[in-house]
Amino acid sequence: MKEEIGSAPGHEIVEKILADAEYQAQQAIANAGKTAEAEAEKARKEGLRIQAEVVAEAGYRAKKLKLREVATAKIEAKRILLRAREKAVSKVFAQVEEELKAIKQEPDRYRRSLTNLATEAILGVGAPEVVLKVSQGDEALVDDAFIDEVRRRVSERSGGSVKVDVKLEPTDMGGGCVAGSTDGRIVFDNTFRRRLGSMKPRLRSSIVKELMASNE
């Protein structure tokens, strides 16, 4: 009986110890579960943050790429437009050059033109004696009647007389003439080539304006 009485408290102690151990184990399990949930939640939030950053970065890169593509397209469009305009301008210049060549094929028309150009060039030199250079191919046009007409026009416009010495150039000057002082210090180039060259900037501007107006 004594042993049974004595064993009761020990049994209770053991049960208590076991109960405490089980409670602590349950607490540890519960804590472990809470920690795992917290880590999982933390990992989930971190994943969402990284995902948002990736999406934002992708959006930024896509926007940047789109802007670059648009800018490239605009540059290419401008380049194409400039090429088209330059081609149109070159075509007009080519037509003008062909028309100038055609003038030389019409003796009467070319003679009138050459008379005007020679008068202008001699007045531009402004000397009492002038050397007038023309292509050898124009020799038939610059006869005495031609020279007399040019001298008459110069006299009317300047009020003075001028001596004109004609010099034939072996190379084709492309139409027109070059006048110069006898010492060579003053030269007035009044050839078709020079006149067209000096007019090109103004002509180009005019042609481009017309092209822009036609495209509106």
Protein backbone atom coordinates (compact mmCIF):
# COMPACT_ATOMS: atom_id res chain seq x y z
CA MET A 1 0.00 0.00 0.00
CA LYS A 2 2.84 2.30 0.84
CA GLU A 3 4.39 1.76 -2.58
CA GLU A 4 1.06 2.53 -4.28
CA ILE A 5 0.71 5.74 -2.25
CA GLY A 6 4.31 6.64 -2.92
CA SER A 7 3.97 5.97 -6.69
CA ALA A 8 1.01 8.28 -7.19
CA PRO A 9 2.93 11.55 -6.86
CA GLY A 10 5.68 10.20 -9.13
CA HIS A 11 3.14 9.23 -11.72
CA GLU A 12 1.61 12.69 -11.60
CA ILE A 13 5.03 14.25 -11.94
CA VAL A 14 5.82 12.06 -14.91
CA GLU A 15 2.48 12.87 -16.46
CA LYS A 16 3.08 16.54 -15.81
CA ILE A 17 6.51 16.34 -17.36
CA LEU A 18 5.11 14.52 -20.34
CA ALA A 19 2.27 16.98 -20.58
CA ASP A 20 4.71 19.90 -20.44
CA ALA A 21 6.88 18.27 -23.03
CA GLU A 22 3.91 17.72 -25.29
CA TYR A 23 2.78 21.33 -24.78
CA GLN A 24 6.24 22.62 -25.54
CA ALA A 25 6.40 20.39 -28.57
CA GLN A 26 3.03 21.70 -29.74
CA GLN A 27 4.18 25.26 -29.11
CA ALA A 28 7.36 24.61 -31.02
CA ILE A 29 5.36 23.15 -33.88
CA ALA A 30 2.95 26.09 -33.78
CA ASN A 31 5.83 28.57 -33.71
CA ALA A 32 7.53 26.74 -36.51
CA GLY A 33 4.32 26.90 -38.51
CA LYS A 34 3.97 30.63 -37.86
CA THR A 35 7.59 31.19 -38.83
CA ALA A 36 7.10 29.20 -42.04
CA GLU A 37 3.96 31.20 -42.85
CA ALA A 38 5.79 34.47 -42.16
CA GLU A 39 8.69 33.41 -44.37
CA ALA A 40 6.27 32.32 -47.06
CA GLU A 41 4.45 35.65 -46.88
CA LYS A 42 7.74 37.48 -46.97
CA ALA A 43 8.83 35.45 -49.96
CA ARG A 44 5.49 36.11 -51.67
CA LYS A 45 5.80 39.87 -51.13
CA GLU A 46 9.40 39.84 -52.33
CA GLY A 47 8.30 37.92 -55.39
CA LEU A 48 5.57 40.48 -56.11
CA ARG A 49 8.06 43.31 -55.66
CA ILE A 50 10.55 41.73 -58.03
CA GLN A 51 7.76 40.99 -60.50
CA ALA A 52 6.61 44.63 -60.38
CA GLU A 53 10.19 45.82 -60.93
CA VAL A 54 10.62 43.45 -63.86
CA VAL A 55 7.32 44.59 -65.39
CA ALA A 56 8.24 48.25 -64.87
CA GLU A 57 11.70 47.72 -66.38
CA ALA A 58 10.19 45.83 -69.31
CA GLY A 59 7.68 48.65 -69.82
CA TYR A 60 10.43 51.27 -69.69
CA ARG A 61 12.56 49.32 -72.16
CA ALA A 62 9.57 48.79 -74.45
CA LYS A 63 8.71 52.50 -74.32
CA LYS A 64 12.33 53.46 -74.95
CA LEU A 65 12.50 51.02 -77.87
CA LYS A 66 9.23 52.39 -79.25
CA LEU A 67 10.49 55.97 -79.04
CA ARG A 68 13.72 54.92 -80.74
CA GLU A 69 11.77 53.20 -83.51
CA VAL A 70 9.57 56.29 -83.99
CA ALA A 71 12.63 58.57 -84.07
CA THR A 72 14.34 56.27 -86.58
CA ALA A 73 11.21 56.20 -88.73
CA LYS A 74 11.00 60.01 -88.68
CA ILE A 75 14.66 60.33 -89.67
CA GLU A 76 14.22 57.81 -92.48
CA ALA A 77 11.07 59.59 -93.70
CA LYS A 78 12.92 62.91 -93.70
CA ARG A 79 15.82 61.30 -95.56
CA ILE A 80 13.47 59.88 -98.19
CA LEU A 81 11.76 63.27 -98.57
CA LEU A 82 15.09 65.06 -98.97
CA ARG A 83 16.23 62.51 -101.55
CA ALA A 84 12.97 62.95 -103.46
CA ARG A 85 13.28 66.75 -103.36
CA GLU A 86 16.92 66.62 -104.46
CA LYS A 87 15.98 64.31 -107.29
CA ALA A 88 13.21 66.69 -108.36
CA VAL A 89 15.57 69.70 -108.16
CA SER A 90 18.23 67.87 -110.19
CA LYS A 91 15.60 66.99 -112.78
CA VAL A 92 14.56 70.63 -113.14
CA PHE A 93 18.20 71.74 -113.46
CA ALA A 94 18.76 69.08 -116.11
CA GLN A 95 15.74 70.38 -118.03
CA VAL A 96 17.07 73.96 -117.80
CA GLU A 97 20.47 72.83 -119.11
CA GLU A 98 18.79 71.03 -122.00
CA GLU A 99 16.78 74.15 -122.85
CA LEU A 100 19.97 76.24 -122.81
CA LYS A 101 21.58 73.78 -125.20
CA ALA A 102 18.51 73.97 -127.40
CA ILE A 103 18.89 77.76 -127.66
CA LYS A 104 22.25 77.26 -129.38
CA GLN A 105 20.50 75.19 -132.04
CA GLU A 106 18.37 78.23 -132.97
CA PRO A 107 20.77 80.78 -134.52
CA ASP A 108 18.45 83.80 -134.41
CA ARG A 109 17.39 83.19 -130.84
CA TYR A 110 20.94 82.45 -129.69
CA ARG A 111 22.30 85.55 -131.46
CA ARG A 112 19.81 87.76 -129.57
CA SER A 113 20.75 86.05 -126.31
CA LEU A 114 24.48 86.39 -127.00
CA THR A 115 24.02 90.09 -127.85
CA ASN A 116 22.33 90.69 -124.49
CA LEU A 117 24.96 88.71 -122.59
CA ALA A 118 27.87 90.47 -124.31
CA THR A 119 26.36 93.90 -123.61
CA GLU A 120 25.87 93.05 -119.95
CA ALA A 121 29.39 91.62 -119.59
CA ILE A 122 31.09 94.62 -121.24
CA LEU A 123 29.15 97.03 -119.03
CA GLY A 124 30.20 94.91 -116.05
CA VAL A 125 33.87 95.32 -116.94
CA GLY A 126 33.42 99.08 -117.38
CA ALA A 127 36.64 99.67 -119.32
CA PRO A 128 37.12 101.67 -122.56
CA GLU A 129 38.61 98.61 -124.22
CA VAL A 130 37.33 95.10 -123.61
CA VAL A 131 38.33 91.61 -124.76
CA LEU A 132 35.24 89.52 -125.52
CA LYS A 133 35.79 85.76 -125.45
CA VAL A 134 33.35 83.43 -127.21
CA SER A 135 33.52 79.80 -128.28
CA GLN A 136 35.07 79.11 -131.66
CA GLY A 137 31.79 77.44 -132.60
CA ASP A 138 30.08 80.84 -132.26
CA GLU A 139 32.43 82.56 -134.73
CA ALA A 140 29.73 82.94 -137.39
CA LEU A 141 27.53 84.90 -134.98
CA VAL A 142 30.06 87.48 -133.80
CA ASP A 143 30.43 89.32 -137.09
CA ASP A 144 30.80 93.08 -137.58
CA ALA A 145 27.04 93.62 -137.31
CA PHE A 146 27.02 91.82 -133.96
CA ILE A 147 29.91 93.93 -132.62
CA ASP A 148 28.32 97.18 -133.84
CA GLU A 149 25.03 96.27 -132.14
CA VAL A 150 26.77 95.44 -128.85
CA ARG A 151 28.82 98.69 -128.95
CA ARG A 152 25.65 100.70 -129.69
CA ARG A 153 23.81 99.19 -126.71
CA VAL A 154 26.77 99.75 -124.38
CA SER A 155 27.00 103.38 -125.50
CA GLU A 156 23.28 103.93 -124.92
CA ARG A 157 23.45 102.56 -121.40
CA SER A 158 26.83 103.93 -120.30
CA GLY A 159 27.03 107.16 -122.25
CA GLY A 160 30.51 106.34 -123.53
CA SER A 161 32.14 104.40 -126.34
CA VAL A 162 33.97 101.09 -126.04
CA LYS A 163 36.37 99.15 -128.21
CA VAL A 164 35.58 95.41 -128.39
CA ASP A 165 38.23 92.86 -129.37
CA VAL A 166 36.78 89.41 -130.03
CA LYS A 167 38.83 86.38 -129.03
CA LEU A 168 37.75 82.89 -130.08
CA GLU A 169 38.22 80.13 -127.51
CA PRO A 170 39.00 76.62 -128.84
CA THR A 171 37.07 74.99 -125.99
CA ASP A 172 33.27 74.94 -125.83
CA MET A 173 32.16 77.52 -123.27
CA GLY A 174 28.64 76.10 -123.27
CA GLY A 175 27.03 79.25 -124.59
CA GLY A 176 27.43 82.90 -123.64
CA CYS A 177 30.65 84.86 -123.32
CA VAL A 178 33.36 86.20 -121.01
CA ALA A 179 34.42 89.85 -121.08
CA GLY A 180 37.59 91.17 -119.52
CA SER A 181 39.85 94.21 -119.34
CA THR A 182 42.93 94.14 -121.55
CA ASP A 183 45.21 93.72 -118.51
CA GLY A 184 43.13 90.76 -117.31
CA ARG A 185 42.42 92.28 -113.90
CA ILE A 186 38.68 92.51 -114.43
CA VAL A 187 36.72 89.53 -115.71
CA PHE A 188 32.97 89.22 -116.17
CA ASP A 189 31.88 85.63 -116.85
CA ASN A 190 28.49 85.71 -118.53
CA THR A 191 28.35 82.15 -119.85
CA PHE A 192 25.23 80.00 -119.53
CA ARG A 193 27.06 77.74 -117.05
CA ARG A 194 28.04 80.59 -114.74
CA ARG A 195 24.63 82.22 -114.88
CA LEU A 196 22.88 78.95 -114.11
CA GLY A 197 25.35 78.23 -111.30
CA SER A 198 24.74 81.61 -109.66
CA MET A 199 20.99 81.16 -109.97
CA LYS A 200 20.90 77.60 -108.58
CA PRO A 201 20.50 78.50 -104.87
CA ARG A 202 17.53 80.77 -105.63
CA LEU A 203 16.07 78.28 -108.09
CA ARG A 204 16.51 75.44 -105.60
CA SER A 205 14.68 77.40 -102.91
CA SER A 206 11.85 78.22 -105.32
CA ILE A 207 11.55 74.61 -106.51
CA VAL A 208 11.50 73.24 -102.94
CA LYS A 209 8.77 75.73 -101.95
CA GLU A 210 6.67 74.61 -104.90
CA LEU A 211 7.19 70.96 -104.01
CA MET A 212 6.21 71.59 -100.38
CA ALA A 213 3.11 73.49 -101.47
CA SER A 214 2.08 70.69 -103.84
CA ASN A 215 2.42 68.12 -101.02
CA GLU A 216 0.20 69.99 -98.55
